[in-house]
Amino acid sequence: MSVVLNHSSSLSEEMSNSSENEVGSLPQIIEEKHQELVVRHVPIVSSFNERIRPLLDAVDKLRHLQVMKEGIQLPTIVVVGDQSSGKSSVLESLAGISLPRGQGICTRAPLIMRLQHHTAPEPELSLEFNGKTVPTSEAEIANAIIHATDEIAGNAKGISNTPLTLVVKKNGVPDLTMVDLPGITRVPVHGQPENIYEQIADIIMEYIRPEESIILNVLSATVDFTTCESIRMSQKVDKNGERTLAAVTKADRAPEGLLEKVTADDVNIGLGYVCVRNRIGDESYKEARKEEADLFENHPLLSKIDKSMVGIPVLAQKLVQIQATIIARCLPEIVRKINEKLNASISELNRMPKTLSSVGEALTTFMGIVGSAKESLNKIIVRGEYDEYLEDKNMHCTARLVEMLNQYSGELHKCSENDLTGNFLMDEIQVLEEAKGIQLPNFLPRTTFLAILQKKVEKVSNIPVAFVEKVWTYIEGVVISVLMHHSENYHQLQLSTRRAGHTLIARMKEHSRNWVTEIVQMEKLTDYTSNPEYMNDWNKLMAQQHDFTRDVLEDGYVATFKIEGLGVVPIAGLRGYEQHVLLQAFDLKMRMTAYWKIVLRRVVDFMALHLQFCVRNLVNKEMEEEIVQELVGRHDGAIERMLEESPAVAAKREKLNVSIKLLRESNNVLANIMDKIASNV
C-alpha cells in the first residue's frame, strides 16, 4: 500500500516538472505549425500530433475510467449550439465522416468524439456505449449512431445524459477529443417531452460549468449572435469568454457584415472566431476544403477577414492548440487530486471495521466496543476530558453537570428567599400560638421548630427530584450517543446496546429518585447538625434581638428593621403582640435561619457526591455488566449477528473499493504517460 502512495507523490512532482519543460512547450510548437498551415493550406493533421497524442490518450483513458465520478474534472472541449446552427456540419468537417442528419434534434445524447490521426489507408471507426464496443464503417456510421442513441435514449425523440463515444482513427484528422451536446431548442416537436429545453439546458450546463471545459460555440452567420441561446448559456458560466471559442457557420450564405460581427465581438468570445464554409450536397471533404479556401480568398467581402480567422484547418489547429494548453495546465492538478482522493479513500477504508469471520472474533470486537465506549465516558463524564468532542459542547459533561448543579443550588436558595423577609415572624407567631400548652411560658417547644422546618422542606421538595430527572436525562443522552458512536459499524449491536443503555439509566434514575426522596424525608422529619456554623450564626443573629424588640415596642413609628445577615424586614405589623411572644418568635426565626443554611448546603453537597458516585459506578461497573447481560445473557444471537455486515457498511466498503480501484488505474494511466513523455525527451 505504501509503495503506491509514495509512487503517487513522486508522480505529482514529476508531472509538474514535465508539464513545465515538455508539455508547456506544446502551445508554442502548435502556434508555429498553425502559422505554417495558414500560409500553405496543408491538410488538417500535422507532424506535432505525436507530441499531443500521449496527453490526449491519458485524458481519454481517464474519461473512459469515469474518473469524473470521483469529483475530478477533466479538460474537455464541449460543442454547443442552437438547433440548425450547423453544429453537426462543423464536426463532420473536422472528423471527415457523416453524422446523423434530419429534422429536429439530431444529437439526443452527449457524443464524445475521439479523433485520432491514423496512418493506415483504411479508417477505423467504433462506437462505445453501455459497456460494449461496436465496430462500424464510414458508410454505416450515421445509422450506427442512430441505433446506439435509440438504445441509450429510447426510440422516441427524448434525450439522455448517458454519453456515447465515437472513436475515429483516420488519416488526416486532427488529434482531438470533443463532446457534442444536443442542439438547443425551445419548442418541443411531436414525440418530445414538454420540458425538452430544460433537459437540454441541464445537460449543457453540467458540461460547460467546470473551469476545465473549453466551450466551442457554433453560431450561424445568418443570425444575430446576441440572440443565440447557446451564447446566453455560455455567458452564464464564462462571462468574459475566457474559455469560449466561436465557430461561425454558413459564412457563404450571409457574407454581408460578417467581418464587422466577428471583429466587434459584442458577445465576448475570448478565444476568438473562426468562420467556416461547410460541405454542400455531394461534395467530398477534399472538394469542400478547396471551395472554402477559394471562398475566403476571392469573395469580395469574406476575403477581407484575416486568414487566421477562416477555414476548417484553422479551426482544427486552434482547437488542437487550446486542447494542448488546457491539458498542460490541468494535468498536474489532476494528478494531485487523484493522489488526494486515493489517499483519503484508502485511509477511510482502513478505518472501517474488519469483516468478522467467527463468534470469537465477534465477541472480541464486542468487548473492544464496550471497552472503548467505557474509556470515552470516563474521559468526558468522570475526568472532564473532551478532546474527542471539541466542537460539541453538549458532550463537555463535567462542565454541563457543574452548570446544572449551580442552577439547582440557585433554585433552592431563590425558593427560600421570600420566607426570610416576607411577613416577618408571622408564621412563627402562628405556630407558637398553636403549640401553647400548660407549661412554663419561657420554654420554646421543639415541635414549633419541626413544624416550620417541615413546611420549608415541603416547599422545596420537588426541586431535588426534578434535578435528578434532569441530570439523568442528560447523562442518558450522552451515554447512548457514545454507545451508538462506538458501535456504528455494527448495526446488529445498536438496538441491543441502546436498549441496555436505556434500561441501565432508568434503573440509575429510579435509584437516585428514591435516594433523594429519602434525603428530603430525613430533612423534613428531624433536625440535627454538628456544624459549628449553626451556633455561630444563631448567636450573631440573636445579638440583635434586644434592638429589634425595642424598635418594635417603642412608641415612635419605625416601619423596618435591618438585621445583619438577614436584611431589612418589616416590623409595623408586629406592634400588637406581647414582648414574650416577639422574643420567642424572633428566637425561632433565627434558629431556623441559621439551620436552613446548613440544610440547603447539605442537600446540594449530598447531591453532588451522590451524582459523582453514581456516574463512576455507572461507567466503571454497571454499564459493562448491563450490556453484556443484554447481549450475551439473552441468548438471542446478537453476537452471532455481528458476523453479518450491515447493508450500509457493505455498500460503503464496496464503494470505497471501487473508488480505490478506479483511482489506482487512473494513477497507472498517468504514470505510463509520464514514462512515454520522459522517454521522448
Foldseek 3Di string as FASTA:
>chain_A
DVVLLVVLVVLLVLLLVCLVVPLVCVLVVLVVVLVVCLVPVDFLADDCLVSCVLLLVLLVVLVVLVLCVVVFDGQAEEEAFAPPLCSQLLVCLQQQAHAADDPDKRAQEKEKEFEAEAPDQAKWKWKDFPHDIGTDHRVCPRVVVLVRQCVQQNPFRHHDHGYMYMYIHYHRHHGHIHIYAIHADQCDDPRYDNVRNVVRLVSVCVQLQDPSYAYEYRGEPVDQVVPIPSLVSNCVRVVQQLRYEYEYEPCVVRVPCPQVRQVVCPSRNNLGAAYEYGDDDPDRSVRRQVVQVCCCCDPPRNVPHDSCRYGSSSVSSSNSSSSSVSSSVCVSVSSVVLSVSLVVLVVVLVPADDQDDDLVVLVVLVVVLLVVLLVLLCQQAPVQHDPVPVPDPLSSHVVVVVVLLVVLLVVLVVLCLCVQAPPALPLLLVLCVVPDDPDDLLDQDVVSLLVVQLVSLVSCLVSQLVSLVVSLVSVLVNSLVSSCVSCVFQVLLNVLLNVLSVVLSVVLSVVSNVVSNVLSVVSNRDADDPDVQLVVQLVLQLVCLVVVLCQLADPDDDQWDQGVPRGIHGRPVVNVDDSSSSNSSSSSSSSCVSRVVVSSVVSSVVVVVSVSVSSCCCSVPVSVVSSCCSQPVVPPCSSVSSSPGDPVSVVSSVVSVSSSVSSSVSSVSSVVSSVVSVVVD
